[in-house]
Amino acid sequence: MRWDALEDESCSISRTLAVIGDRWSILVLRDCFLRVRRFEEFQSRLGITRHLLADRLKKLVRHGVLRRVPYQTSPKRHEYVLTQKGLDLYPILMAVVHWGDIHMADERGRPLLHRHKTCGHLFNPVMVCSECGEPLKAREVEIQPGPGAQSGDHPAVSAVQRARQAS
């Protein structure tokens, strides 16, 4: 598997990593969810070079995760706004936050707390089954080939297919 060809793989994780799979893209997205929108603010918060930041922003715009919106005409300046595709990355970032809160927080505790505006409670992000609402645990999930799977595409799909043929 080549890093520069991940978006061509028949694997949702590979395709997603092709868009957000480097630390700068993830940190740009973190800041977007913290309401950062302007180039200079990203650069100052992240300490990233202008060239690298411009590259990551262009990639996220090209993939439809961010949208460039003019906010000033003279000189012309743009801000970066999450699209629906970008907003749909929120559960991924919250899963990373949750893991970091559990495994990487120091003795002072979590650096940020999250409050659900609807109910007013602080919460822990958890992933639940869309059908029954129960929390999902890795050992309680099995996979099966989907309509986009091709034989031999993914080791897990191949293993499932072999197991079905054997029974």
C-alpha atoms as a PDB file:
ATOM      1  CA  MET A   1       0.000   0.000   0.000  1.00  0.00           C
ATOM      2  CA  ARG A   2       1.486   3.342  -1.036  1.00  0.00           C
ATOM      3  CA  TRP A   3       0.872   6.417   1.123  1.00  0.00           C
ATOM      4  CA  ASP A   4       0.231   8.620  -1.927  1.00  0.00           C
ATOM      5  CA  ALA A   5      -2.384   6.173  -3.281  1.00  0.00           C
ATOM      6  CA  LEU A   6      -4.498   5.647  -0.143  1.00  0.00           C
ATOM      7  CA  GLU A   7      -7.554   7.310  -1.665  1.00  0.00           C
ATOM      8  CA  ASP A   8      -7.621   4.583  -4.340  1.00  0.00           C
ATOM      9  CA  GLU A   9      -7.772   1.727  -1.807  1.00  0.00           C
ATOM     10  CA  SER A  10     -10.998  -0.204  -1.241  1.00  0.00           C
ATOM     11  CA  CYS A  11     -10.876   0.588   2.468  1.00  0.00           C
ATOM     12  CA  SER A  12     -12.753   3.374   4.218  1.00  0.00           C
ATOM     13  CA  ILE A  13      -9.948   3.912   6.725  1.00  0.00           C
ATOM     14  CA  SER A  14      -7.342   4.280   3.953  1.00  0.00           C
ATOM     15  CA  ARG A  15      -9.537   6.694   2.021  1.00  0.00           C
ATOM     16  CA  THR A  16     -10.161   8.782   5.131  1.00  0.00           C
ATOM     17  CA  LEU A  17      -6.454   8.846   5.983  1.00  0.00           C
ATOM     18  CA  ALA A  18      -5.771  10.170   2.478  1.00  0.00           C
ATOM     19  CA  VAL A  19      -7.679  13.292   3.539  1.00  0.00           C
ATOM     20  CA  ILE A  20      -6.962  13.719   7.266  1.00  0.00           C
ATOM     21  CA  GLY A  21      -4.141  11.273   7.980  1.00  0.00           C
ATOM     22  CA  ASP A  22      -1.384  13.658   8.997  1.00  0.00           C
ATOM     23  CA  ARG A  23      -0.950  15.546  12.245  1.00  0.00           C
ATOM     24  CA  TRP A  24      -1.307  19.006  10.729  1.00  0.00           C
ATOM     25  CA  SER A  25      -4.616  18.224   9.047  1.00  0.00           C
ATOM     26  CA  ILE A  26      -6.007  16.821  12.299  1.00  0.00           C
ATOM     27  CA  LEU A  27      -4.817  19.873  14.242  1.00  0.00           C
ATOM     28  CA  VAL A  28      -6.296  22.237  11.635  1.00  0.00           C
ATOM     29  CA  LEU A  29      -9.600  20.381  12.008  1.00  0.00           C
ATOM     30  CA  ARG A  30      -9.350  20.553  15.801  1.00  0.00           C
ATOM     31  CA  ASP A  31      -8.996  24.314  15.533  1.00  0.00           C
ATOM     32  CA  CYS A  32     -11.878  24.523  13.057  1.00  0.00           C
ATOM     33  CA  PHE A  33     -14.109  22.841  15.641  1.00  0.00           C
ATOM     34  CA  LEU A  34     -12.812  25.381  18.170  1.00  0.00           C
ATOM     35  CA  ARG A  35     -14.113  28.101  15.804  1.00  0.00           C
ATOM     36  CA  VAL A  36     -10.784  29.130  14.260  1.00  0.00           C
ATOM     37  CA  ARG A  37     -11.322  30.232  10.653  1.00  0.00           C
ATOM     38  CA  ARG A  38      -8.541  32.540   9.486  1.00  0.00           C
ATOM     39  CA  PHE A  39      -5.127  31.642   8.098  1.00  0.00           C
ATOM     40  CA  GLU A  40      -3.155  33.872  10.468  1.00  0.00           C
ATOM     41  CA  GLU A  41      -4.972  32.479  13.496  1.00  0.00           C
ATOM     42  CA  PHE A  42      -4.279  28.879  12.423  1.00  0.00           C
ATOM     43  CA  GLN A  43      -0.632  29.741  11.871  1.00  0.00           C
ATOM     44  CA  SER A  44      -0.242  31.488  15.199  1.00  0.00           C
ATOM     45  CA  ARG A  45      -2.016  28.750  17.192  1.00  0.00           C
ATOM     46  CA  LEU A  46      -0.245  25.848  15.467  1.00  0.00           C
ATOM     47  CA  GLY A  47       3.216  27.317  14.886  1.00  0.00           C
ATOM     48  CA  ILE A  48       3.161  25.794  11.407  1.00  0.00           C
ATOM     49  CA  THR A  49       4.957  27.276   8.386  1.00  0.00           C
ATOM     50  CA  ARG A  50       2.835  29.286   5.954  1.00  0.00           C
ATOM     51  CA  HIS A  51       3.657  26.869   3.134  1.00  0.00           C
ATOM     52  CA  LEU A  52       2.646  23.757   5.082  1.00  0.00           C
ATOM     53  CA  LEU A  53      -0.537  25.372   6.405  1.00  0.00           C
ATOM     54  CA  ALA A  54      -1.517  26.554   2.909  1.00  0.00           C
ATOM     55  CA  ASP A  55      -0.947  23.025   1.600  1.00  0.00           C
ATOM     56  CA  ARG A  56      -3.137  21.421   4.298  1.00  0.00           C
ATOM     57  CA  LEU A  57      -5.910  23.995   3.875  1.00  0.00           C
ATOM     58  CA  LYS A  58      -5.888  23.500   0.084  1.00  0.00           C
ATOM     59  CA  LYS A  59      -6.122  19.738   0.534  1.00  0.00           C
ATOM     60  CA  LEU A  60      -9.054  20.034   2.938  1.00  0.00           C
ATOM     61  CA  VAL A  61     -10.802  22.444   0.544  1.00  0.00           C
ATOM     62  CA  ARG A  62     -10.090  20.173  -2.455  1.00  0.00           C
ATOM     63  CA  HIS A  63     -11.660  17.229  -0.622  1.00  0.00           C
ATOM     64  CA  GLY A  64     -14.714  19.276   0.341  1.00  0.00           C
ATOM     65  CA  VAL A  65     -14.005  19.258   4.088  1.00  0.00           C
ATOM     66  CA  LEU A  66     -13.548  23.048   4.266  1.00  0.00           C
ATOM     67  CA  ARG A  67     -14.933  25.860   2.152  1.00  0.00           C
ATOM     68  CA  ARG A  68     -13.007  29.095   1.443  1.00  0.00           C
ATOM     69  CA  VAL A  69     -15.209  32.107   2.092  1.00  0.00           C
ATOM     70  CA  PRO A  70     -14.112  35.708   1.449  1.00  0.00           C
ATOM     71  CA  TYR A  71     -14.405  37.957   4.489  1.00  0.00           C
ATOM     72  CA  GLN A  72     -12.535  41.017   3.198  1.00  0.00           C
ATOM     73  CA  THR A  73     -12.165  42.527  -0.259  1.00  0.00           C
ATOM     74  CA  SER A  74      -9.263  44.934   0.045  1.00  0.00           C
ATOM     75  CA  PRO A  75      -6.935  43.142   0.360  1.00  0.00           C
ATOM     76  CA  LYS A  76      -8.857  39.992  -0.505  1.00  0.00           C
ATOM     77  CA  ARG A  77      -8.832  37.572   2.428  1.00  0.00           C
ATOM     78  CA  HIS A  78     -10.596  34.295   3.064  1.00  0.00           C
ATOM     79  CA  GLU A  79     -11.638  32.257   6.038  1.00  0.00           C
ATOM     80  CA  TYR A  80     -12.113  28.494   6.164  1.00  0.00           C
ATOM     81  CA  VAL A  81     -15.481  27.085   7.165  1.00  0.00           C
ATOM     82  CA  LEU A  82     -16.355  23.459   7.806  1.00  0.00           C
ATOM     83  CA  THR A  83     -18.707  21.979   5.213  1.00  0.00           C
ATOM     84  CA  GLN A  84     -21.184  19.237   6.103  1.00  0.00           C
ATOM     85  CA  LYS A  85     -18.513  16.750   5.054  1.00  0.00           C
ATOM     86  CA  GLY A  86     -16.153  18.455   7.514  1.00  0.00           C
ATOM     87  CA  LEU A  87     -18.749  18.548  10.291  1.00  0.00           C
ATOM     88  CA  ASP A  88     -19.220  14.808   9.789  1.00  0.00           C
ATOM     89  CA  LEU A  89     -15.612  14.366  10.999  1.00  0.00           C
ATOM     90  CA  TYR A  90     -16.643  15.547  14.482  1.00  0.00           C
ATOM     91  CA  PRO A  91     -17.175  12.026  15.884  1.00  0.00           C
ATOM     92  CA  ILE A  92     -13.663  11.067  14.767  1.00  0.00           C
ATOM     93  CA  LEU A  93     -12.089  14.000  16.558  1.00  0.00           C
ATOM     94  CA  MET A  94     -14.228  13.408  19.641  1.00  0.00           C
ATOM     95  CA  ALA A  95     -13.091   9.757  19.697  1.00  0.00           C
ATOM     96  CA  VAL A  96      -9.476  10.978  19.666  1.00  0.00           C
ATOM     97  CA  VAL A  97     -10.304  13.464  22.444  1.00  0.00           C
ATOM     98  CA  HIS A  98     -11.913  10.733  24.537  1.00  0.00           C
ATOM     99  CA  TRP A  99      -8.925   8.402  24.105  1.00  0.00           C
ATOM    100  CA  GLY A 100      -6.553  11.233  25.033  1.00  0.00           C
ATOM    101  CA  ASP A 101      -8.658  12.154  28.069  1.00  0.00           C
ATOM    102  CA  ILE A 102      -8.529   8.567  29.318  1.00  0.00           C
ATOM    103  CA  HIS A 103      -4.969   7.602  28.414  1.00  0.00           C
ATOM    104  CA  MET A 104      -2.941  10.806  28.061  1.00  0.00           C
ATOM    105  CA  ALA A 105      -4.292  13.284  30.620  1.00  0.00           C
ATOM    106  CA  ASP A 106      -1.880  14.119  33.412  1.00  0.00           C
ATOM    107  CA  GLU A 107      -2.639  14.463  37.142  1.00  0.00           C
ATOM    108  CA  ARG A 108      -4.441  17.770  36.494  1.00  0.00           C
ATOM    109  CA  GLY A 109      -7.094  15.972  34.443  1.00  0.00           C
ATOM    110  CA  ARG A 110      -8.709  16.722  31.112  1.00  0.00           C
ATOM    111  CA  PRO A 111      -7.612  19.921  29.359  1.00  0.00           C
ATOM    112  CA  LEU A 112     -11.117  20.627  28.007  1.00  0.00           C
ATOM    113  CA  LEU A 113     -14.569  19.605  29.143  1.00  0.00           C
ATOM    114  CA  HIS A 114     -17.462  19.260  26.717  1.00  0.00           C
ATOM    115  CA  ARG A 115     -21.007  20.325  27.565  1.00  0.00           C
ATOM    116  CA  HIS A 116     -24.026  19.236  25.522  1.00  0.00           C
ATOM    117  CA  LYS A 117     -26.018  22.443  24.876  1.00  0.00           C
ATOM    118  CA  THR A 118     -29.315  20.568  24.577  1.00  0.00           C
ATOM    119  CA  CYS A 119     -29.300  18.956  28.045  1.00  0.00           C
ATOM    120  CA  GLY A 120     -26.658  21.122  29.729  1.00  0.00           C
ATOM    121  CA  HIS A 121     -24.582  18.183  30.980  1.00  0.00           C
ATOM    122  CA  LEU A 122     -20.859  17.586  30.666  1.00  0.00           C
ATOM    123  CA  PHE A 123     -20.358  14.395  28.683  1.00  0.00           C
ATOM    124  CA  ASN A 124     -17.939  11.726  27.578  1.00  0.00           C
ATOM    125  CA  PRO A 125     -18.146  11.038  23.850  1.00  0.00           C
ATOM    126  CA  VAL A 126     -19.137   7.427  23.289  1.00  0.00           C
ATOM    127  CA  MET A 127     -19.954   5.540  20.118  1.00  0.00           C
ATOM    128  CA  VAL A 128     -23.280   3.734  20.135  1.00  0.00           C
ATOM    129  CA  CYS A 129     -25.054   1.355  17.791  1.00  0.00           C
ATOM    130  CA  SER A 130     -27.322   3.283  15.425  1.00  0.00           C
ATOM    131  CA  GLU A 131     -29.966   0.555  15.789  1.00  0.00           C
ATOM    132  CA  CYS A 132     -30.190  -0.268  19.513  1.00  0.00           C
ATOM    133  CA  GLY A 133     -28.343   2.658  21.142  1.00  0.00           C
ATOM    134  CA  GLU A 134     -25.980   0.413  23.133  1.00  0.00           C
ATOM    135  CA  PRO A 135     -22.323   1.478  23.458  1.00  0.00           C
ATOM    136  CA  LEU A 136     -20.062  -0.264  20.938  1.00  0.00           C
ATOM    137  CA  LYS A 137     -17.063  -2.281  22.078  1.00  0.00           C
ATOM    138  CA  ALA A 138     -14.506  -3.751  19.663  1.00  0.00           C
ATOM    139  CA  ARG A 139     -15.041  -7.329  20.864  1.00  0.00           C
ATOM    140  CA  GLU A 140     -18.788  -7.053  20.287  1.00  0.00           C
ATOM    141  CA  VAL A 141     -18.576  -6.057  16.609  1.00  0.00           C
ATOM    142  CA  GLU A 142     -18.054  -8.322  13.624  1.00  0.00           C
ATOM    143  CA  ILE A 143     -17.566  -7.317  10.021  1.00  0.00           C
ATOM    144  CA  GLN A 144     -18.932  -8.600   6.760  1.00  0.00           C
ATOM    145  CA  PRO A 145     -18.187  -7.597   3.193  1.00  0.00           C
ATOM    146  CA  GLY A 146     -20.158  -4.572   2.023  1.00  0.00           C
ATOM    147  CA  PRO A 147     -21.339  -3.741  -1.472  1.00  0.00           C
ATOM    148  CA  GLY A 148     -18.051  -1.968  -2.239  1.00  0.00           C
ATOM    149  CA  ALA A 149     -15.817  -4.866  -1.149  1.00  0.00           C
ATOM    150  CA  GLN A 150     -13.796  -6.815  -3.645  1.00  0.00           C
ATOM    151  CA  SER A 151     -12.302 -10.210  -2.983  1.00  0.00           C
ATOM    152  CA  GLY A 152      -8.772  -9.823  -1.627  1.00  0.00           C
ATOM    153  CA  ASP A 153      -9.181  -6.084  -0.953  1.00  0.00           C
ATOM    154  CA  HIS A 154      -8.843  -6.293   2.769  1.00  0.00           C
ATOM    155  CA  PRO A 155      -7.405  -9.044   5.006  1.00  0.00           C
ATOM    156  CA  ALA A 156     -10.444  -8.915   7.320  1.00  0.00           C
ATOM    157  CA  VAL A 157     -12.888  -9.245   4.404  1.00  0.00           C
ATOM    158  CA  SER A 158     -10.877 -12.134   2.973  1.00  0.00           C
ATOM    159  CA  ALA A 159     -10.903 -13.860   6.390  1.00  0.00           C
ATOM    160  CA  VAL A 160     -14.674 -13.469   6.682  1.00  0.00           C
ATOM    161  CA  GLN A 161     -15.166 -14.799   3.152  1.00  0.00           C
ATOM    162  CA  ARG A 162     -12.908 -17.819   3.860  1.00  0.00           C
ATOM    163  CA  ALA A 163     -14.762 -18.548   7.106  1.00  0.00           C
ATOM    164  CA  ARG A 164     -18.127 -18.478   5.319  1.00  0.00           C
ATOM    165  CA  GLN A 165     -16.862 -20.788   2.575  1.00  0.00           C
ATOM    166  CA  ALA A 166     -15.545 -23.244   5.169  1.00  0.00           C
ATOM    167  CA  SER A 167     -18.910 -23.533   6.966  1.00  0.00           C
END
